[in-house]
């Protein structure tokens, strides 16, 4: 019985490497893809509890990062959510009322 040598082409190696990567790589990723986070807002335990910003953030006049900042929401200041906005790209924004010494300011926070 004669044994024939099998020739493996570069295309076959590329296909095998791609298949191996496709089977092994997703095991290292979290469900839903990479973990990318915006500045956090503390989650409320109930709807009566105020929303608190965990880090200082710029309060913007429109739901865009390029929009001018009208005030600064310091960490720990209670915020009242007026509405939520999700841009077509999936970025989330909150329109909030921020208490200031001169009155309540309304603006947008990324989150």
C-alpha atoms as a PDB file:
ATOM      1  CA  UNK A   1       0.000   0.000   0.000  1.00  0.00           C
ATOM      2  CA  UNK A   2       1.489   3.294  -1.114  1.00  0.00           C
ATOM      3  CA  UNK A   3       1.154   6.445   0.978  1.00  0.00           C
ATOM      4  CA  UNK A   4       0.591   9.625  -0.982  1.00  0.00           C
ATOM      5  CA  UNK A   5       1.796  12.973   0.292  1.00  0.00           C
ATOM      6  CA  UNK A   6      -0.911  15.599   0.626  1.00  0.00           C
ATOM      7  CA  UNK A   7       0.050  19.122  -0.321  1.00  0.00           C
ATOM      8  CA  UNK A   8      -1.488  21.892   1.798  1.00  0.00           C
ATOM      9  CA  UNK A   9      -1.882  25.196  -0.011  1.00  0.00           C
ATOM     10  CA  UNK A  10      -1.467  28.637   1.604  1.00  0.00           C
ATOM     11  CA  UNK A  11      -5.200  29.206   1.109  1.00  0.00           C
ATOM     12  CA  UNK A  12      -5.969  26.156   3.253  1.00  0.00           C
ATOM     13  CA  UNK A  13      -3.664  27.471   6.021  1.00  0.00           C
ATOM     14  CA  UNK A  14      -5.372  30.856   5.953  1.00  0.00           C
ATOM     15  CA  UNK A  15      -8.791  29.235   6.174  1.00  0.00           C
ATOM     16  CA  UNK A  16      -7.682  27.045   9.086  1.00  0.00           C
ATOM     17  CA  UNK A  17      -6.179  30.046  10.927  1.00  0.00           C
ATOM     18  CA  UNK A  18      -9.332  32.119  10.388  1.00  0.00           C
ATOM     19  CA  UNK A  19     -11.564  29.285  11.591  1.00  0.00           C
ATOM     20  CA  UNK A  20      -9.367  28.738  14.664  1.00  0.00           C
ATOM     21  CA  UNK A  21      -9.449  32.455  15.529  1.00  0.00           C
ATOM     22  CA  UNK A  22     -13.229  32.623  15.031  1.00  0.00           C
ATOM     23  CA  UNK A  23     -13.733  29.716  17.443  1.00  0.00           C
ATOM     24  CA  UNK A  24     -11.299  30.831  20.166  1.00  0.00           C
ATOM     25  CA  UNK A  25     -11.401  34.676  20.163  1.00  0.00           C
ATOM     26  CA  UNK A  26     -15.048  35.170  21.235  1.00  0.00           C
ATOM     27  CA  UNK A  27     -14.379  33.220  24.459  1.00  0.00           C
ATOM     28  CA  UNK A  28     -12.213  36.125  25.662  1.00  0.00           C
ATOM     29  CA  UNK A  29     -14.790  38.841  24.962  1.00  0.00           C
ATOM     30  CA  UNK A  30     -17.652  39.819  27.277  1.00  0.00           C
ATOM     31  CA  UNK A  31     -21.161  39.140  26.036  1.00  0.00           C
ATOM     32  CA  UNK A  32     -22.176  41.831  23.584  1.00  0.00           C
ATOM     33  CA  UNK A  33     -18.631  42.815  22.617  1.00  0.00           C
ATOM     34  CA  UNK A  34     -16.068  45.085  24.192  1.00  0.00           C
ATOM     35  CA  UNK A  35     -16.814  46.821  27.478  1.00  0.00           C
ATOM     36  CA  UNK A  36     -16.936  50.572  26.778  1.00  0.00           C
ATOM     37  CA  UNK A  37     -18.379  52.807  29.475  1.00  0.00           C
ATOM     38  CA  UNK A  38     -19.365  56.440  29.741  1.00  0.00           C
ATOM     39  CA  UNK A  39     -19.141  58.324  33.024  1.00  0.00           C
ATOM     40  CA  UNK A  40     -21.300  56.465  35.490  1.00  0.00           C
ATOM     41  CA  UNK A  41     -24.473  57.637  37.131  1.00  0.00           C
ATOM     42  CA  UNK A  42     -25.369  55.905  40.367  1.00  0.00           C
ATOM     43  CA  UNK A  43     -28.340  53.634  39.880  1.00  0.00           C
ATOM     44  CA  UNK A  44     -31.407  54.400  41.953  1.00  0.00           C
ATOM     45  CA  UNK A  45     -32.985  51.793  44.183  1.00  0.00           C
ATOM     46  CA  UNK A  46     -36.452  53.328  43.665  1.00  0.00           C
ATOM     47  CA  UNK A  47     -38.020  56.000  41.474  1.00  0.00           C
ATOM     48  CA  UNK A  48     -38.332  58.321  44.496  1.00  0.00           C
ATOM     49  CA  UNK A  49     -34.600  58.331  45.155  1.00  0.00           C
ATOM     50  CA  UNK A  50     -32.703  61.145  43.354  1.00  0.00           C
ATOM     51  CA  UNK A  51     -30.162  60.339  40.673  1.00  0.00           C
ATOM     52  CA  UNK A  52     -26.624  61.209  41.789  1.00  0.00           C
ATOM     53  CA  UNK A  53     -23.649  61.787  39.502  1.00  0.00           C
ATOM     54  CA  UNK A  54     -20.634  59.735  40.632  1.00  0.00           C
ATOM     55  CA  UNK A  55     -18.060  61.951  38.887  1.00  0.00           C
ATOM     56  CA  UNK A  56     -18.108  65.661  37.976  1.00  0.00           C
ATOM     57  CA  UNK A  57     -19.562  66.145  34.479  1.00  0.00           C
ATOM     58  CA  UNK A  58     -20.274  69.027  32.133  1.00  0.00           C
ATOM     59  CA  UNK A  59     -23.949  69.925  31.797  1.00  0.00           C
ATOM     60  CA  UNK A  60     -24.408  70.675  28.083  1.00  0.00           C
ATOM     61  CA  UNK A  61     -27.025  72.748  26.267  1.00  0.00           C
ATOM     62  CA  UNK A  62     -27.670  69.985  23.680  1.00  0.00           C
ATOM     63  CA  UNK A  63     -27.186  66.197  23.573  1.00  0.00           C
ATOM     64  CA  UNK A  64     -23.795  66.378  21.799  1.00  0.00           C
ATOM     65  CA  UNK A  65     -20.231  66.332  23.110  1.00  0.00           C
ATOM     66  CA  UNK A  66     -19.463  69.392  20.931  1.00  0.00           C
ATOM     67  CA  UNK A  67     -22.297  71.431  22.516  1.00  0.00           C
ATOM     68  CA  UNK A  68     -21.233  74.231  24.879  1.00  0.00           C
ATOM     69  CA  UNK A  69     -21.177  73.435  28.591  1.00  0.00           C
ATOM     70  CA  UNK A  70     -23.626  75.583  30.538  1.00  0.00           C
ATOM     71  CA  UNK A  71     -22.737  74.361  34.019  1.00  0.00           C
ATOM     72  CA  UNK A  72     -20.914  71.594  35.868  1.00  0.00           C
ATOM     73  CA  UNK A  73     -22.652  68.780  37.759  1.00  0.00           C
ATOM     74  CA  UNK A  74     -20.433  67.990  40.728  1.00  0.00           C
ATOM     75  CA  UNK A  75     -20.284  64.505  42.233  1.00  0.00           C
ATOM     76  CA  UNK A  76     -23.048  63.786  44.741  1.00  0.00           C
ATOM     77  CA  UNK A  77     -25.455  66.541  43.620  1.00  0.00           C
ATOM     78  CA  UNK A  78     -29.023  65.187  43.232  1.00  0.00           C
ATOM     79  CA  UNK A  79     -30.365  65.372  39.676  1.00  0.00           C
ATOM     80  CA  UNK A  80     -33.942  65.100  38.413  1.00  0.00           C
ATOM     81  CA  UNK A  81     -34.246  63.280  35.076  1.00  0.00           C
ATOM     82  CA  UNK A  82     -36.578  65.088  32.678  1.00  0.00           C
ATOM     83  CA  UNK A  83     -36.179  62.744  29.710  1.00  0.00           C
ATOM     84  CA  UNK A  84     -33.867  60.267  28.008  1.00  0.00           C
ATOM     85  CA  UNK A  85     -32.448  60.485  24.489  1.00  0.00           C
ATOM     86  CA  UNK A  86     -30.702  57.772  22.472  1.00  0.00           C
ATOM     87  CA  UNK A  87     -28.851  58.956  19.388  1.00  0.00           C
ATOM     88  CA  UNK A  88     -28.966  56.883  16.179  1.00  0.00           C
ATOM     89  CA  UNK A  89     -25.446  55.597  16.973  1.00  0.00           C
ATOM     90  CA  UNK A  90     -26.667  54.247  20.331  1.00  0.00           C
ATOM     91  CA  UNK A  91     -25.156  56.932  22.591  1.00  0.00           C
ATOM     92  CA  UNK A  92     -27.418  57.715  25.562  1.00  0.00           C
ATOM     93  CA  UNK A  93     -28.114  61.185  26.992  1.00  0.00           C
ATOM     94  CA  UNK A  94     -30.172  62.370  29.955  1.00  0.00           C
ATOM     95  CA  UNK A  95     -31.852  65.762  30.168  1.00  0.00           C
ATOM     96  CA  UNK A  96     -31.718  66.720  33.843  1.00  0.00           C
ATOM     97  CA  UNK A  97     -32.585  69.522  36.221  1.00  0.00           C
ATOM     98  CA  UNK A  98     -29.560  70.545  38.284  1.00  0.00           C
ATOM     99  CA  UNK A  99     -30.090  72.644  41.437  1.00  0.00           C
ATOM    100  CA  UNK A 100     -27.712  75.642  41.583  1.00  0.00           C
ATOM    101  CA  UNK A 101     -27.496  78.618  43.973  1.00  0.00           C
ATOM    102  CA  UNK A 102     -29.140  80.820  41.313  1.00  0.00           C
ATOM    103  CA  UNK A 103     -31.963  78.343  40.588  1.00  0.00           C
ATOM    104  CA  UNK A 104     -32.489  75.144  38.658  1.00  0.00           C
ATOM    105  CA  UNK A 105     -30.476  74.643  35.439  1.00  0.00           C
ATOM    106  CA  UNK A 106     -31.699  72.246  32.779  1.00  0.00           C
ATOM    107  CA  UNK A 107     -29.198  70.550  30.506  1.00  0.00           C
ATOM    108  CA  UNK A 108     -27.858  67.306  29.065  1.00  0.00           C
ATOM    109  CA  UNK A 109     -25.511  64.706  30.554  1.00  0.00           C
ATOM    110  CA  UNK A 110     -23.954  61.803  28.675  1.00  0.00           C
ATOM    111  CA  UNK A 111     -24.977  58.581  30.299  1.00  0.00           C
END
